[in-house]
C-alpha atoms as a PDB file:
ATOM      1  CA  MET A   1     133.111-123.378 157.861  1.00  0.00           C
ATOM      2  CA  SER A   2     131.609-123.892 154.387  1.00  0.00           C
ATOM      3  CA  ARG A   3     130.571-127.467 155.282  1.00  0.00           C
ATOM      4  CA  ILE A   4     128.558-126.348 158.300  1.00  0.00           C
ATOM      5  CA  PRO A   5     124.820-126.088 157.607  1.00  0.00           C
ATOM      6  CA  LEU A   6     123.089-122.741 157.950  1.00  0.00           C
ATOM      7  CA  ARG A   7     121.857-122.406 161.528  1.00  0.00           C
ATOM      8  CA  PRO A   8     118.210-121.337 161.783  1.00  0.00           C
ATOM      9  CA  THR A   9     118.555-118.514 164.318  1.00  0.00           C
ATOM     10  CA  PRO A  10     119.681-115.129 162.928  1.00  0.00           C
ATOM     11  CA  ALA A  11     122.635-113.584 164.746  1.00  0.00           C
ATOM     12  CA  GLY A  12     121.776-110.422 166.655  1.00  0.00           C
ATOM     13  CA  ASP A  13     118.221-110.347 165.367  1.00  0.00           C
ATOM     14  CA  GLU A  14     117.069-108.283 168.351  1.00  0.00           C
ATOM     15  CA  LEU A  15     119.524-105.543 167.361  1.00  0.00           C
ATOM     16  CA  THR A  16     119.042-105.464 163.596  1.00  0.00           C
ATOM     17  CA  ARG A  17     115.578-103.940 163.952  1.00  0.00           C
ATOM     18  CA  LEU A  18     116.712-100.971 166.054  1.00  0.00           C
ATOM     19  CA  GLU A  19     116.764 -97.453 164.634  1.00  0.00           C
ATOM     20  CA  LYS A  20     118.816 -95.848 167.405  1.00  0.00           C
ATOM     21  CA  PRO A  21     121.687 -96.924 169.679  1.00  0.00           C
ATOM     22  CA  PRO A  22     120.706 -99.336 172.460  1.00  0.00           C
ATOM     23  CA  ASP A  23     121.982 -99.328 176.022  1.00  0.00           C
ATOM     24  CA  TRP A  24     125.074-101.430 175.404  1.00  0.00           C
ATOM     25  CA  VAL A  25     125.598-102.072 179.110  1.00  0.00           C
ATOM     26  CA  GLU A  26     122.180-103.702 179.152  1.00  0.00           C
ATOM     27  CA  VAL A  27     122.836-105.566 175.880  1.00  0.00           C
ATOM     28  CA  PHE A  28     125.998-107.064 177.384  1.00  0.00           C
ATOM     29  CA  GLY A  29     124.272-108.072 180.608  1.00  0.00           C
ATOM     30  CA  GLY A  30     125.853-105.393 182.795  1.00  0.00           C
ATOM     31  CA  LEU A  31     129.396-105.486 181.385  1.00  0.00           C
ATOM     32  CA  THR A  32     130.940-102.010 181.235  1.00  0.00           C
ATOM     33  CA  GLY A  33     134.326-102.484 179.553  1.00  0.00           C
ATOM     34  CA  PRO A  34     135.553-100.735 176.395  1.00  0.00           C
ATOM     35  CA  LEU A  35     133.108-101.035 173.486  1.00  0.00           C
ATOM     36  CA  GLU A  36     134.674-102.224 170.221  1.00  0.00           C
ATOM     37  CA  VAL A  37     133.367-103.044 166.744  1.00  0.00           C
ATOM     38  CA  GLU A  38     134.682-105.466 164.140  1.00  0.00           C
ATOM     39  CA  ILE A  39     133.469-104.849 160.596  1.00  0.00           C
ATOM     40  CA  GLY A  40     133.385-108.177 158.764  1.00  0.00           C
ATOM     41  CA  CYS A  41     134.304-110.882 161.274  1.00  0.00           C
ATOM     42  CA  GLY A  42     134.367-113.677 158.670  1.00  0.00           C
ATOM     43  CA  ALA A  43     134.946-117.071 160.282  1.00  0.00           C
ATOM     44  CA  GLY A  44     135.395-115.379 163.646  1.00  0.00           C
ATOM     45  CA  GLY A  45     138.999-116.262 164.383  1.00  0.00           C
ATOM     46  CA  PHE A  46     139.845-112.781 165.629  1.00  0.00           C
ATOM     47  CA  ALA A  47     136.534-112.059 167.373  1.00  0.00           C
ATOM     48  CA  LEU A  48     136.522-115.284 169.375  1.00  0.00           C
ATOM     49  CA  GLU A  49     140.195-115.128 170.372  1.00  0.00           C
ATOM     50  CA  HIS A  50     140.121-111.386 171.119  1.00  0.00           C
ATOM     51  CA  CYS A  51     137.150-111.837 173.463  1.00  0.00           C
ATOM     52  CA  ARG A  52     138.741-114.866 175.097  1.00  0.00           C
ATOM     53  CA  ARG A  53     141.975-112.976 175.771  1.00  0.00           C
ATOM     54  CA  ASN A  54     140.243-109.764 176.867  1.00  0.00           C
ATOM     55  CA  PRO A  55     137.185-110.549 179.013  1.00  0.00           C
ATOM     56  CA  ASN A  56     136.883-106.868 179.975  1.00  0.00           C
ATOM     57  CA  VAL A  57     136.261-105.839 176.334  1.00  0.00           C
ATOM     58  CA  ARG A  58     132.785-105.736 174.741  1.00  0.00           C
ATOM     59  CA  LEU A  59     133.014-106.596 171.048  1.00  0.00           C
ATOM     60  CA  VAL A  60     130.201-106.206 168.511  1.00  0.00           C
ATOM     61  CA  ALA A  61     131.127-108.157 165.372  1.00  0.00           C
ATOM     62  CA  PHE A  62     129.313-107.598 162.060  1.00  0.00           C
ATOM     63  CA  GLU A  63     129.192-110.118 159.225  1.00  0.00           C
ATOM     64  CA  TRP A  64     126.816-109.997 156.248  1.00  0.00           C
ATOM     65  CA  ARG A  65     127.174-113.683 155.342  1.00  0.00           C
ATOM     66  CA  LYS A  66     124.511-115.515 157.334  1.00  0.00           C
ATOM     67  CA  LYS A  67     126.335-118.830 157.656  1.00  0.00           C
ATOM     68  CA  TYR A  68     129.454-117.188 159.075  1.00  0.00           C
ATOM     69  CA  ALA A  69     127.612-114.804 161.382  1.00  0.00           C
ATOM     70  CA  ARG A  70     125.420-117.505 162.882  1.00  0.00           C
ATOM     71  CA  GLU A  71     128.263-119.958 163.326  1.00  0.00           C
ATOM     72  CA  VAL A  72     130.463-117.377 165.083  1.00  0.00           C
ATOM     73  CA  ALA A  73     127.564-116.437 167.367  1.00  0.00           C
ATOM     74  CA  HIS A  74     127.007-120.130 168.137  1.00  0.00           C
ATOM     75  CA  ARG A  75     130.674-120.706 168.930  1.00  0.00           C
ATOM     76  CA  GLY A  76     130.771-117.620 171.135  1.00  0.00           C
ATOM     77  CA  GLU A  77     127.819-118.909 173.149  1.00  0.00           C
ATOM     78  CA  LYS A  78     129.295-122.404 173.273  1.00  0.00           C
ATOM     79  CA  HIS A  79     132.520-121.050 174.778  1.00  0.00           C
ATOM     80  CA  GLY A  80     130.695-118.772 177.213  1.00  0.00           C
ATOM     81  CA  LEU A  81     131.926-115.499 175.736  1.00  0.00           C
ATOM     82  CA  LYS A  82     129.513-113.028 177.329  1.00  0.00           C
ATOM     83  CA  ASN A  83     131.525-110.131 175.897  1.00  0.00           C
ATOM     84  CA  LEU A  84     130.822-110.963 172.225  1.00  0.00           C
ATOM     85  CA  LYS A  85     127.749-109.975 170.223  1.00  0.00           C
ATOM     86  CA  VAL A  86     127.509-110.987 166.554  1.00  0.00           C
ATOM     87  CA  ILE A  87     125.162-109.201 164.162  1.00  0.00           C
ATOM     88  CA  GLU A  88     124.431-110.491 160.673  1.00  0.00           C
ATOM     89  CA  GLY A  89     123.972-107.599 158.293  1.00  0.00           C
ATOM     90  CA  ASP A  90     125.680-104.842 156.330  1.00  0.00           C
ATOM     91  CA  ALA A  91     127.867-102.808 158.681  1.00  0.00           C
ATOM     92  CA  ARG A  92     127.670 -99.760 156.419  1.00  0.00           C
ATOM     93  CA  THR A  93     123.914 -99.645 157.007  1.00  0.00           C
ATOM     94  CA  MET A  94     123.739-100.805 160.615  1.00  0.00           C
ATOM     95  CA  VAL A  95     126.697 -99.159 162.323  1.00  0.00           C
ATOM     96  CA  PRO A  96     125.277 -95.613 161.881  1.00  0.00           C
ATOM     97  CA  LYS A  97     122.055 -96.725 163.589  1.00  0.00           C
ATOM     98  CA  LEU A  98     123.569 -98.607 166.512  1.00  0.00           C
ATOM     99  CA  PHE A  99     126.453 -96.451 167.762  1.00  0.00           C
ATOM    100  CA  ALA A 100     126.560 -92.905 169.062  1.00  0.00           C
ATOM    101  CA  PRO A 101     129.431 -90.491 168.367  1.00  0.00           C
ATOM    102  CA  GLY A 102     132.383 -91.016 170.693  1.00  0.00           C
ATOM    103  CA  SER A 103     131.081 -94.369 171.965  1.00  0.00           C
ATOM    104  CA  LEU A 104     133.739 -96.747 170.623  1.00  0.00           C
ATOM    105  CA  ALA A 105     137.229 -97.489 171.916  1.00  0.00           C
ATOM    106  CA  ILE A 106     138.456 -99.452 168.871  1.00  0.00           C
ATOM    107  CA  LEU A 107     137.271-100.224 165.349  1.00  0.00           C
ATOM    108  CA  HIS A 108     138.619-103.380 163.692  1.00  0.00           C
ATOM    109  CA  LEU A 109     138.700-103.960 159.930  1.00  0.00           C
ATOM    110  CA  GLN A 110     140.645-107.026 158.868  1.00  0.00           C
ATOM    111  CA  PHE A 111     141.241-108.427 155.393  1.00  0.00           C
ATOM    112  CA  PRO A 112     138.367-106.630 153.659  1.00  0.00           C
ATOM    113  CA  ASP A 113     137.356-107.615 150.135  1.00  0.00           C
ATOM    114  CA  PRO A 114     139.909-105.935 147.835  1.00  0.00           C
ATOM    115  CA  TRP A 115     137.330-105.122 145.115  1.00  0.00           C
ATOM    116  CA  TRP A 116     139.851-105.532 142.309  1.00  0.00           C
ATOM    117  CA  LYS A 117     137.807-103.708 139.658  1.00  0.00           C
ATOM    118  CA  ARG A 118     137.954 -99.931 140.015  1.00  0.00           C
ATOM    119  CA  VAL A 119     134.230 -99.645 139.295  1.00  0.00           C
ATOM    120  CA  HIS A 120     133.521-101.810 142.348  1.00  0.00           C
ATOM    121  CA  GLN A 121     135.873-100.051 144.785  1.00  0.00           C
ATOM    122  CA  LYS A 122     133.069 -97.736 145.900  1.00  0.00           C
ATOM    123  CA  ARG A 123     131.707-100.754 147.802  1.00  0.00           C
ATOM    124  CA  ALA A 124     134.760-100.771 150.067  1.00  0.00           C
ATOM    125  CA  ILE A 125     134.352 -99.726 153.702  1.00  0.00           C
ATOM    126  CA  LEU A 126     137.187 -97.205 153.446  1.00  0.00           C
ATOM    127  CA  HIS A 127     135.653 -95.271 150.571  1.00  0.00           C
ATOM    128  CA  GLY A 128     133.921 -91.919 150.228  1.00  0.00           C
ATOM    129  CA  ASP A 129     132.952 -90.189 153.468  1.00  0.00           C
ATOM    130  CA  PHE A 130     132.555 -93.397 155.530  1.00  0.00           C
ATOM    131  CA  PRO A 131     136.081 -93.205 157.053  1.00  0.00           C
ATOM    132  CA  GLN A 132     135.296 -89.695 158.306  1.00  0.00           C
ATOM    133  CA  PHE A 133     132.043 -90.965 159.810  1.00  0.00           C
ATOM    134  CA  LEU A 134     133.895 -93.816 161.532  1.00  0.00           C
ATOM    135  CA  LEU A 135     136.252 -91.252 163.063  1.00  0.00           C
ATOM    136  CA  THR A 136     133.282 -89.588 164.794  1.00  0.00           C
ATOM    137  CA  LEU A 137     132.297 -92.885 166.445  1.00  0.00           C
ATOM    138  CA  LEU A 138     135.611 -93.225 168.274  1.00  0.00           C
ATOM    139  CA  GLU A 139     136.358 -91.670 171.630  1.00  0.00           C
ATOM    140  CA  GLU A 140     139.403 -89.416 171.926  1.00  0.00           C
ATOM    141  CA  ALA A 141     142.562 -91.477 171.352  1.00  0.00           C
ATOM    142  CA  GLY A 142     140.359 -94.302 170.061  1.00  0.00           C
ATOM    143  CA  ARG A 143     142.060 -96.644 167.601  1.00  0.00           C
ATOM    144  CA  PHE A 144     141.399 -98.021 164.134  1.00  0.00           C
ATOM    145  CA  ASP A 145     142.950-101.478 163.716  1.00  0.00           C
ATOM    146  CA  PHE A 146     143.347-102.256 160.003  1.00  0.00           C
ATOM    147  CA  ARG A 147     144.931-105.355 158.432  1.00  0.00           C
ATOM    148  CA  THR A 148     145.066-106.668 154.883  1.00  0.00           C
ATOM    149  CA  ASP A 149     147.109-109.083 152.786  1.00  0.00           C
ATOM    150  CA  VAL A 150     146.979-106.803 149.716  1.00  0.00           C
ATOM    151  CA  GLN A 151     149.558-103.999 149.719  1.00  0.00           C
ATOM    152  CA  ASP A 152     147.536-101.744 147.420  1.00  0.00           C
ATOM    153  CA  VAL A 153     144.469-102.107 149.643  1.00  0.00           C
ATOM    154  CA  GLY A 154     146.617-101.273 152.651  1.00  0.00           C
ATOM    155  CA  GLU A 155     148.065 -98.182 151.039  1.00  0.00           C
ATOM    156  CA  ARG A 156     144.686 -96.932 149.857  1.00  0.00           C
ATOM    157  CA  GLY A 157     143.179 -97.695 153.261  1.00  0.00           C
ATOM    158  CA  ILE A 158     145.810 -95.786 155.227  1.00  0.00           C
ATOM    159  CA  LYS A 159     145.561 -92.876 152.801  1.00  0.00           C
ATOM    160  CA  ALA A 160     141.770 -92.744 153.187  1.00  0.00           C
ATOM    161  CA  LEU A 161     141.959 -92.923 156.982  1.00  0.00           C
ATOM    162  CA  GLU A 162     144.627 -90.236 157.246  1.00  0.00           C
ATOM    163  CA  ALA A 163     142.659 -87.998 154.879  1.00  0.00           C
ATOM    164  CA  ALA A 164     139.615 -88.462 157.117  1.00  0.00           C
ATOM    165  CA  GLY A 165     141.536 -87.146 160.127  1.00  0.00           C
ATOM    166  CA  PHE A 166     143.084 -90.239 161.688  1.00  0.00           C
ATOM    167  CA  HIS A 167     146.641 -89.873 163.020  1.00  0.00           C
ATOM    168  CA  ASN A 168     149.325 -92.381 162.096  1.00  0.00           C
ATOM    169  CA  PRO A 169     151.814 -92.495 165.015  1.00  0.00           C
ATOM    170  CA  LEU A 170     154.563 -93.884 162.758  1.00  0.00           C
ATOM    171  CA  GLY A 171     154.185 -91.198 160.087  1.00  0.00           C
ATOM    172  CA  PRO A 172     152.083 -90.718 156.965  1.00  0.00           C
ATOM    173  CA  LEU A 173     151.404 -93.883 154.948  1.00  0.00           C
ATOM    174  CA  VAL A 174     153.644 -96.034 157.176  1.00  0.00           C
ATOM    175  CA  PHE A 175     152.579 -99.617 157.948  1.00  0.00           C
ATOM    176  CA  HIS A 176     152.855-100.940 161.486  1.00  0.00           C
ATOM    177  CA  PRO A 177     154.833-104.011 162.600  1.00  0.00           C
ATOM    178  CA  TYR A 178     153.257-107.228 163.845  1.00  0.00           C
ATOM    179  CA  ASP A 179     152.330-107.153 167.519  1.00  0.00           C
ATOM    180  CA  PRO A 180     152.328-110.643 169.104  1.00  0.00           C
ATOM    181  CA  GLU A 181     149.849-109.372 171.694  1.00  0.00           C
ATOM    182  CA  ASP A 182     147.202-108.951 168.963  1.00  0.00           C
ATOM    183  CA  ALA A 183     144.775-111.819 168.428  1.00  0.00           C
ATOM    184  CA  PRO A 184     145.174-113.104 164.846  1.00  0.00           C
ATOM    185  CA  SER A 185     142.234-113.700 162.550  1.00  0.00           C
ATOM    186  CA  THR A 186     141.692-117.081 160.894  1.00  0.00           C
ATOM    187  CA  ARG A 187     143.429-115.881 157.736  1.00  0.00           C
ATOM    188  CA  GLU A 188     146.257-114.155 159.578  1.00  0.00           C
ATOM    189  CA  ARG A 189     147.157-117.375 161.390  1.00  0.00           C
ATOM    190  CA  ARG A 190     147.921-118.979 158.027  1.00  0.00           C
ATOM    191  CA  TYR A 191     150.123-116.053 157.015  1.00  0.00           C
ATOM    192  CA  LEU A 192     152.025-116.127 160.297  1.00  0.00           C
ATOM    193  CA  VAL A 193     152.906-119.762 159.567  1.00  0.00           C
ATOM    194  CA  SER A 194     153.742-119.278 155.875  1.00  0.00           C
ATOM    195  CA  GLY A 195     155.546-115.968 156.302  1.00  0.00           C
ATOM    196  CA  ALA A 196     153.340-114.210 153.740  1.00  0.00           C
ATOM    197  CA  PRO A 197     153.157-110.443 154.305  1.00  0.00           C
ATOM    198  CA  VAL A 198     150.339-108.748 156.185  1.00  0.00           C
ATOM    199  CA  TYR A 199     149.986-104.972 155.959  1.00  0.00           C
ATOM    200  CA  ARG A 200     148.888-103.479 159.263  1.00  0.00           C
ATOM    201  CA  ALA A 201     147.939-100.033 160.499  1.00  0.00           C
ATOM    202  CA  ARG A 202     147.051 -98.758 163.948  1.00  0.00           C
ATOM    203  CA  LEU A 203     145.712 -95.260 163.506  1.00  0.00           C
ATOM    204  CA  VAL A 204     144.236 -93.141 166.276  1.00  0.00           C
ATOM    205  CA  LYS A 205     141.731 -90.357 166.687  1.00  0.00           C
ATOM    206  CA  PRO A 206     143.619 -87.217 167.736  1.00  0.00           C
END
């Protein structure tokens, strides 16, 4: 991905300028399936495979790195994935503008930056009151899909989500096993081959 030149067309440019939620049925050309969000799609391994496997799902994938966002959008169009929309930009800023409370079926956060220095951890998605806000965006029984390769990040993430009101079906602070039905991200594919641990959580809105 790093060797691919920056494509000239911004990903999701028509959506980045909005100040209120759009009509997502219209945005997706009439598709009416479950609406999902991925925060930080990276190279797009999960987003592209998830949409390929689940054509009934509508996925909005955010990525702040322009090269990645534009390349994933290009690949989605190339493969005819009408159920994928990629938006380049900061999800923390844009998600509150684009989604109404109770509008999402699933939120995906996979392998977020661990922010090793404590002073930088406030930049993490699962920090402060943002997890509680994300809870409001989910419909009843909506799910938060969280994966990381750093145990400490996983533990802090589950703790933050549970404190915000998410329910962990397996019990407090318990990680979830690998589900072969889940589409793996680009990074997770490498770990599945090498056997390196991935810390997963599937928490739900009560």
